[in-house]
Amino acid sequence: MKSEKTYIHRRVCLCRQCGGTGTVTVYAEKDFQHQYPEHKVCPQCQGSGRIWLSGTVIKQIEPYAEPEP
């Protein structure tokens, strides 16, 4: 007797790319000293600062059998 269960978890998390602010800081290629930052909308969360995180968990349930000596 062996059974398998599948769960799909979905939750809201902070965006890792922007840290939850909704904006990312970029610099021009010629700005070597990083003096002129430019703030743009985060491409991953589109400015919300939050993302949906989902994943699938598969659990297998098997009976335990004593090992033979």
PDB file of N, CA and C in Angstrom:
ATOM      1  N   MET A   1       0.837  -1.162   0.000  1.00  0.00           N
ATOM      2  CA  MET A   1       0.000   0.000   0.000  1.00  0.00           C
ATOM      3  C   MET A   1       0.893   1.241   0.000  1.00  0.00           C
ATOM      4  N   LYS A   2       0.798   2.004  -1.050  1.00  0.00           N
ATOM      5  CA  LYS A   2       1.612   3.186  -1.186  1.00  0.00           C
ATOM      6  C   LYS A   2       0.701   4.314  -1.655  1.00  0.00           C
ATOM      7  N   SER A   3       0.793   5.459  -1.027  1.00  0.00           N
ATOM      8  CA  SER A   3      -0.028   6.583  -1.452  1.00  0.00           C
ATOM      9  C   SER A   3       0.842   7.813  -1.659  1.00  0.00           C
ATOM     10  N   GLU A   4       0.343   8.711  -2.465  1.00  0.00           N
ATOM     11  CA  GLU A   4       1.093   9.919  -2.795  1.00  0.00           C
ATOM     12  C   GLU A   4       0.140  11.097  -2.746  1.00  0.00           C
ATOM     13  N   LYS A   5       0.568  12.163  -2.102  1.00  0.00           N
ATOM     14  CA  LYS A   5      -0.256  13.362  -1.997  1.00  0.00           C
ATOM     15  C   LYS A   5       0.513  14.535  -2.595  1.00  0.00           C
ATOM     16  N   THR A   6      -0.191  15.370  -3.322  1.00  0.00           N
ATOM     17  CA  THR A   6       0.419  16.540  -3.934  1.00  0.00           C
ATOM     18  C   THR A   6      -0.240  17.798  -3.373  1.00  0.00           C
ATOM     19  N   TYR A   7       0.582  18.735  -2.939  1.00  0.00           N
ATOM     20  CA  TYR A   7       0.098  19.997  -2.410  1.00  0.00           C
ATOM     21  C   TYR A   7       0.690  21.126  -3.245  1.00  0.00           C
ATOM     22  N   ILE A   8      -0.117  22.133  -3.532  1.00  0.00           N
ATOM     23  CA  ILE A   8       0.371  23.327  -4.230  1.00  0.00           C
ATOM     24  C   ILE A   8       0.210  24.495  -3.266  1.00  0.00           C
ATOM     25  N   HIS A   9       1.340  25.049  -2.835  1.00  0.00           N
ATOM     26  CA  HIS A   9       1.340  26.164  -1.899  1.00  0.00           C
ATOM     27  C   HIS A   9       1.525  27.463  -2.667  1.00  0.00           C
ATOM     28  N   ARG A  10       0.721  28.466  -2.364  1.00  0.00           N
ATOM     29  CA  ARG A  10       0.845  29.770  -3.004  1.00  0.00           C
ATOM     30  C   ARG A  10       0.752  30.827  -1.916  1.00  0.00           C
ATOM     31  N   ARG A  11       1.737  31.733  -1.884  1.00  0.00           N
ATOM     32  CA  ARG A  11       1.736  32.776  -0.872  1.00  0.00           C
ATOM     33  C   ARG A  11       2.389  34.039  -1.419  1.00  0.00           C
ATOM     34  N   VAL A  12       2.142  35.139  -0.758  1.00  0.00           N
ATOM     35  CA  VAL A  12       2.696  36.424  -1.148  1.00  0.00           C
ATOM     36  C   VAL A  12       3.997  36.638  -0.372  1.00  0.00           C
ATOM     37  N   CYS A  13       5.049  37.040  -1.096  1.00  0.00           N
ATOM     38  CA  CYS A  13       6.357  37.278  -0.474  1.00  0.00           C
ATOM     39  C   CYS A  13       6.925  38.608  -0.959  1.00  0.00           C
ATOM     40  N   LEU A  14       7.928  39.093  -0.249  1.00  0.00           N
ATOM     41  CA  LEU A  14       8.643  40.283  -0.688  1.00  0.00           C
ATOM     42  C   LEU A  14       9.468  39.964  -1.927  1.00  0.00           C
ATOM     43  N   CYS A  15       9.540  40.905  -2.838  1.00  0.00           N
ATOM     44  CA  CYS A  15      10.355  40.739  -4.043  1.00  0.00           C
ATOM     45  C   CYS A  15      11.827  40.791  -3.644  1.00  0.00           C
ATOM     46  N   ARG A  16      12.599  39.815  -4.068  1.00  0.00           N
ATOM     47  CA  ARG A  16      14.019  39.776  -3.714  1.00  0.00           C
ATOM     48  C   ARG A  16      14.856  40.736  -4.552  1.00  0.00           C
ATOM     49  N   GLN A  17      14.400  41.057  -5.744  1.00  0.00           N
ATOM     50  CA  GLN A  17      15.187  41.914  -6.624  1.00  0.00           C
ATOM     51  C   GLN A  17      15.209  43.354  -6.109  1.00  0.00           C
ATOM     52  N   CYS A  18      14.081  43.847  -5.600  1.00  0.00           N
ATOM     53  CA  CYS A  18      14.025  45.236  -5.123  1.00  0.00           C
ATOM     54  C   CYS A  18      13.959  45.336  -3.604  1.00  0.00           C
ATOM     55  N   GLY A  19      13.804  44.208  -2.921  1.00  0.00           N
ATOM     56  CA  GLY A  19      13.736  44.220  -1.461  1.00  0.00           C
ATOM     57  C   GLY A  19      12.408  44.726  -0.914  1.00  0.00           C
ATOM     58  N   GLY A  20      11.371  44.732  -1.744  1.00  0.00           N
ATOM     59  CA  GLY A  20      10.056  45.171  -1.304  1.00  0.00           C
ATOM     60  C   GLY A  20       9.777  46.640  -1.533  1.00  0.00           C
ATOM     61  N   THR A  21      10.719  47.369  -2.131  1.00  0.00           N
ATOM     62  CA  THR A  21      10.517  48.798  -2.368  1.00  0.00           C
ATOM     63  C   THR A  21       9.767  49.083  -3.658  1.00  0.00           C
ATOM     64  N   GLY A  22       9.854  48.207  -4.639  1.00  0.00           N
ATOM     65  CA  GLY A  22       9.188  48.414  -5.922  1.00  0.00           C
ATOM     66  C   GLY A  22      10.049  49.138  -6.940  1.00  0.00           C
ATOM     67  N   THR A  23      11.233  49.590  -6.525  1.00  0.00           N
ATOM     68  CA  THR A  23      12.143  50.271  -7.447  1.00  0.00           C
ATOM     69  C   THR A  23      13.537  49.659  -7.350  1.00  0.00           C
ATOM     70  N   VAL A  24      14.266  49.709  -8.449  1.00  0.00           N
ATOM     71  CA  VAL A  24      15.654  49.265  -8.469  1.00  0.00           C
ATOM     72  C   VAL A  24      16.519  50.439  -8.893  1.00  0.00           C
ATOM     73  N   THR A  25      17.741  50.484  -8.389  1.00  0.00           N
ATOM     74  CA  THR A  25      18.667  51.552  -8.716  1.00  0.00           C
ATOM     75  C   THR A  25      19.625  51.066  -9.789  1.00  0.00           C
ATOM     76  N   VAL A  26      19.717  51.811 -10.869  1.00  0.00           N
ATOM     77  CA  VAL A  26      20.637  51.484 -11.953  1.00  0.00           C
ATOM     78  C   VAL A  26      21.518  52.696 -12.224  1.00  0.00           C
ATOM     79  N   TYR A  27      22.693  52.432 -12.770  1.00  0.00           N
ATOM     80  CA  TYR A  27      23.647  53.481 -13.110  1.00  0.00           C
ATOM     81  C   TYR A  27      23.994  53.368 -14.585  1.00  0.00           C
ATOM     82  N   ALA A  28      24.346  54.487 -15.193  1.00  0.00           N
ATOM     83  CA  ALA A  28      24.747  54.483 -16.593  1.00  0.00           C
ATOM     84  C   ALA A  28      26.074  53.743 -16.730  1.00  0.00           C
ATOM     85  N   GLU A  29      26.340  53.212 -17.918  1.00  0.00           N
ATOM     86  CA  GLU A  29      27.576  52.451 -18.142  1.00  0.00           C
ATOM     87  C   GLU A  29      28.816  53.305 -17.922  1.00  0.00           C
ATOM     88  N   LYS A  30      28.742  54.589 -18.229  1.00  0.00           N
ATOM     89  CA  LYS A  30      29.911  55.469 -18.102  1.00  0.00           C
ATOM     90  C   LYS A  30      30.026  56.105 -16.722  1.00  0.00           C
ATOM     91  N   ASP A  31      29.095  55.831 -15.839  1.00  0.00           N
ATOM     92  CA  ASP A  31      29.129  56.377 -14.481  1.00  0.00           C
ATOM     93  C   ASP A  31      29.894  55.417 -13.576  1.00  0.00           C
ATOM     94  N   PHE A  32      31.222  55.442 -13.663  1.00  0.00           N
ATOM     95  CA  PHE A  32      32.071  54.497 -12.928  1.00  0.00           C
ATOM     96  C   PHE A  32      32.075  54.747 -11.427  1.00  0.00           C
ATOM     97  N   GLN A  33      31.854  55.986 -11.008  1.00  0.00           N
ATOM     98  CA  GLN A  33      31.893  56.314  -9.585  1.00  0.00           C
ATOM     99  C   GLN A  33      30.506  56.239  -8.932  1.00  0.00           C
ATOM    100  N   HIS A  34      29.507  55.854  -9.673  1.00  0.00           N
ATOM    101  CA  HIS A  34      28.135  55.726  -9.180  1.00  0.00           C
ATOM    102  C   HIS A  34      27.647  57.011  -8.510  1.00  0.00           C
ATOM    103  N   GLN A  35      27.787  58.113  -9.207  1.00  0.00           N
ATOM    104  CA  GLN A  35      27.371  59.402  -8.663  1.00  0.00           C
ATOM    105  C   GLN A  35      25.945  59.779  -9.051  1.00  0.00           C
ATOM    106  N   TYR A  36      25.424  59.226 -10.142  1.00  0.00           N
ATOM    107  CA  TYR A  36      24.113  59.616 -10.639  1.00  0.00           C
ATOM    108  C   TYR A  36      23.194  58.402 -10.737  1.00  0.00           C
ATOM    109  N   PRO A  37      22.586  58.026  -9.610  1.00  0.00           N
ATOM    110  CA  PRO A  37      21.695  56.863  -9.644  1.00  0.00           C
ATOM    111  C   PRO A  37      20.376  57.194 -10.349  1.00  0.00           C
ATOM    112  N   GLU A  38      19.806  56.192 -10.983  1.00  0.00           N
ATOM    113  CA  GLU A  38      18.512  56.335 -11.638  1.00  0.00           C
ATOM    114  C   GLU A  38      17.597  55.246 -11.080  1.00  0.00           C
ATOM    115  N   HIS A  39      16.452  55.662 -10.573  1.00  0.00           N
ATOM    116  CA  HIS A  39      15.509  54.714  -9.974  1.00  0.00           C
ATOM    117  C   HIS A  39      14.475  54.329 -11.022  1.00  0.00           C
ATOM    118  N   LYS A  40      14.330  53.023 -11.238  1.00  0.00           N
ATOM    119  CA  LYS A  40      13.366  52.512 -12.202  1.00  0.00           C
ATOM    120  C   LYS A  40      12.426  51.532 -11.519  1.00  0.00           C
ATOM    121  N   VAL A  41      11.286  51.299 -12.148  1.00  0.00           N
ATOM    122  CA  VAL A  41      10.318  50.332 -11.628  1.00  0.00           C
ATOM    123  C   VAL A  41      10.923  48.934 -11.733  1.00  0.00           C
ATOM    124  N   CYS A  42      10.765  48.155 -10.688  1.00  0.00           N
ATOM    125  CA  CYS A  42      11.312  46.790 -10.654  1.00  0.00           C
ATOM    126  C   CYS A  42      10.650  45.942 -11.739  1.00  0.00           C
ATOM    127  N   PRO A  43      11.448  45.269 -12.582  1.00  0.00           N
ATOM    128  CA  PRO A  43      10.859  44.458 -13.649  1.00  0.00           C
ATOM    129  C   PRO A  43      10.218  43.157 -13.157  1.00  0.00           C
ATOM    130  N   GLN A  44      10.592  42.698 -11.971  1.00  0.00           N
ATOM    131  CA  GLN A  44      10.049  41.436 -11.475  1.00  0.00           C
ATOM    132  C   GLN A  44       8.660  41.619 -10.859  1.00  0.00           C
ATOM    133  N   CYS A  45       8.470  42.628 -10.039  1.00  0.00           N
ATOM    134  CA  CYS A  45       7.191  42.822  -9.348  1.00  0.00           C
ATOM    135  C   CYS A  45       6.366  43.961  -9.955  1.00  0.00           C
ATOM    136  N   GLN A  46       6.881  44.643 -10.954  1.00  0.00           N
ATOM    137  CA  GLN A  46       6.234  45.775 -11.605  1.00  0.00           C
ATOM    138  C   GLN A  46       5.837  46.878 -10.635  1.00  0.00           C
ATOM    139  N   GLY A  47       6.676  47.106  -9.620  1.00  0.00           N
ATOM    140  CA  GLY A  47       6.483  48.227  -8.710  1.00  0.00           C
ATOM    141  C   GLY A  47       5.668  47.946  -7.471  1.00  0.00           C
ATOM    142  N   SER A  48       5.134  46.755  -7.312  1.00  0.00           N
ATOM    143  CA  SER A  48       4.307  46.477  -6.137  1.00  0.00           C
ATOM    144  C   SER A  48       5.142  46.122  -4.909  1.00  0.00           C
ATOM    145  N   GLY A  49       6.336  45.583  -5.110  1.00  0.00           N
ATOM    146  CA  GLY A  49       7.178  45.168  -4.000  1.00  0.00           C
ATOM    147  C   GLY A  49       6.861  43.771  -3.488  1.00  0.00           C
ATOM    148  N   ARG A  50       5.817  43.152  -4.023  1.00  0.00           N
ATOM    149  CA  ARG A  50       5.396  41.819  -3.596  1.00  0.00           C
ATOM    150  C   ARG A  50       5.277  40.911  -4.822  1.00  0.00           C
ATOM    151  N   ILE A  51       5.488  39.618  -4.606  1.00  0.00           N
ATOM    152  CA  ILE A  51       5.338  38.637  -5.683  1.00  0.00           C
ATOM    153  C   ILE A  51       4.571  37.432  -5.142  1.00  0.00           C
ATOM    154  N   TRP A  52       3.951  36.673  -6.031  1.00  0.00           N
ATOM    155  CA  TRP A  52       3.333  35.402  -5.679  1.00  0.00           C
ATOM    156  C   TRP A  52       4.390  34.327  -5.775  1.00  0.00           C
ATOM    157  N   LEU A  53       4.565  33.572  -4.726  1.00  0.00           N
ATOM    158  CA  LEU A  53       5.509  32.465  -4.704  1.00  0.00           C
ATOM    159  C   LEU A  53       4.706  31.178  -4.609  1.00  0.00           C
ATOM    160  N   SER A  54       4.921  30.271  -5.556  1.00  0.00           N
ATOM    161  CA  SER A  54       4.178  29.016  -5.527  1.00  0.00           C
ATOM    162  C   SER A  54       5.129  27.864  -5.775  1.00  0.00           C
ATOM    163  N   GLY A  55       4.769  26.733  -5.248  1.00  0.00           N
ATOM    164  CA  GLY A  55       5.583  25.538  -5.415  1.00  0.00           C
ATOM    165  C   GLY A  55       4.744  24.302  -5.177  1.00  0.00           C
ATOM    166  N   THR A  56       5.241  23.193  -5.633  1.00  0.00           N
ATOM    167  CA  THR A  56       4.528  21.926  -5.493  1.00  0.00           C
ATOM    168  C   THR A  56       5.313  21.013  -4.564  1.00  0.00           C
ATOM    169  N   VAL A  57       4.619  20.425  -3.615  1.00  0.00           N
ATOM    170  CA  VAL A  57       5.226  19.484  -2.680  1.00  0.00           C
ATOM    171  C   VAL A  57       4.559  18.134  -2.902  1.00  0.00           C
ATOM    172  N   ILE A  58       5.364  17.105  -3.125  1.00  0.00           N
ATOM    173  CA  ILE A  58       4.843  15.754  -3.306  1.00  0.00           C
ATOM    174  C   ILE A  58       5.303  14.906  -2.125  1.00  0.00           C
ATOM    175  N   LYS A  59       4.339  14.323  -1.423  1.00  0.00           N
ATOM    176  CA  LYS A  59       4.656  13.476  -0.274  1.00  0.00           C
ATOM    177  C   LYS A  59       4.293  12.044  -0.611  1.00  0.00           C
ATOM    178  N   GLN A  60       5.239  11.143  -0.389  1.00  0.00           N
ATOM    179  CA  GLN A  60       4.997   9.725  -0.610  1.00  0.00           C
ATOM    180  C   GLN A  60       4.890   9.042   0.745  1.00  0.00           C
ATOM    181  N   ILE A  61       3.852   8.259   0.909  1.00  0.00           N
ATOM    182  CA  ILE A  61       3.618   7.543   2.163  1.00  0.00           C
ATOM    183  C   ILE A  61       3.732   6.047   1.881  1.00  0.00           C
ATOM    184  N   GLU A  62       4.690   5.393   2.573  1.00  0.00           N
ATOM    185  CA  GLU A  62       4.921   3.965   2.404  1.00  0.00           C
ATOM    186  C   GLU A  62       4.935   3.303   3.775  1.00  0.00           C
ATOM    187  N   PRO A  63       4.478   2.081   3.865  1.00  0.00           N
ATOM    188  CA  PRO A  63       4.540   1.375   5.148  1.00  0.00           C
ATOM    189  C   PRO A  63       5.989   1.000   5.484  1.00  0.00           C
ATOM    190  N   TYR A  64       6.269   0.962   6.766  1.00  0.00           N
ATOM    191  CA  TYR A  64       7.602   0.592   7.218  1.00  0.00           C
ATOM    192  C   TYR A  64       7.710  -0.923   7.319  1.00  0.00           C
ATOM    193  N   ALA A  65       8.792  -1.473   6.792  1.00  0.00           N
ATOM    194  CA  ALA A  65       9.035  -2.912   6.889  1.00  0.00           C
ATOM    195  C   ALA A  65      10.349  -3.115   7.659  1.00  0.00           C
ATOM    196  N   GLU A  66      10.301  -3.987   8.653  1.00  0.00           N
ATOM    197  CA  GLU A  66      11.499  -4.275   9.441  1.00  0.00           C
ATOM    198  C   GLU A  66      12.574  -4.903   8.553  1.00  0.00           C
ATOM    199  N   PRO A  67      13.821  -4.452   8.639  1.00  0.00           N
ATOM    200  CA  PRO A  67      14.879  -5.087   7.854  1.00  0.00           C
ATOM    201  C   PRO A  67      15.186  -6.486   8.405  1.00  0.00           C
ATOM    202  N   GLU A  68      15.523  -7.366   7.528  1.00  0.00           N
ATOM    203  CA  GLU A  68      15.845  -8.735   7.954  1.00  0.00           C
ATOM    204  C   GLU A  68      17.265  -8.789   8.471  1.00  0.00           C
ATOM    205  N   PRO A  69      17.516  -9.562   9.556  1.00  0.00           N
ATOM    206  CA  PRO A  69      18.853  -9.626  10.168  1.00  0.00           C
ATOM    207  C   PRO A  69      19.859 -10.403   9.342  1.00  0.00           C
TER     208      PRO A  69
END
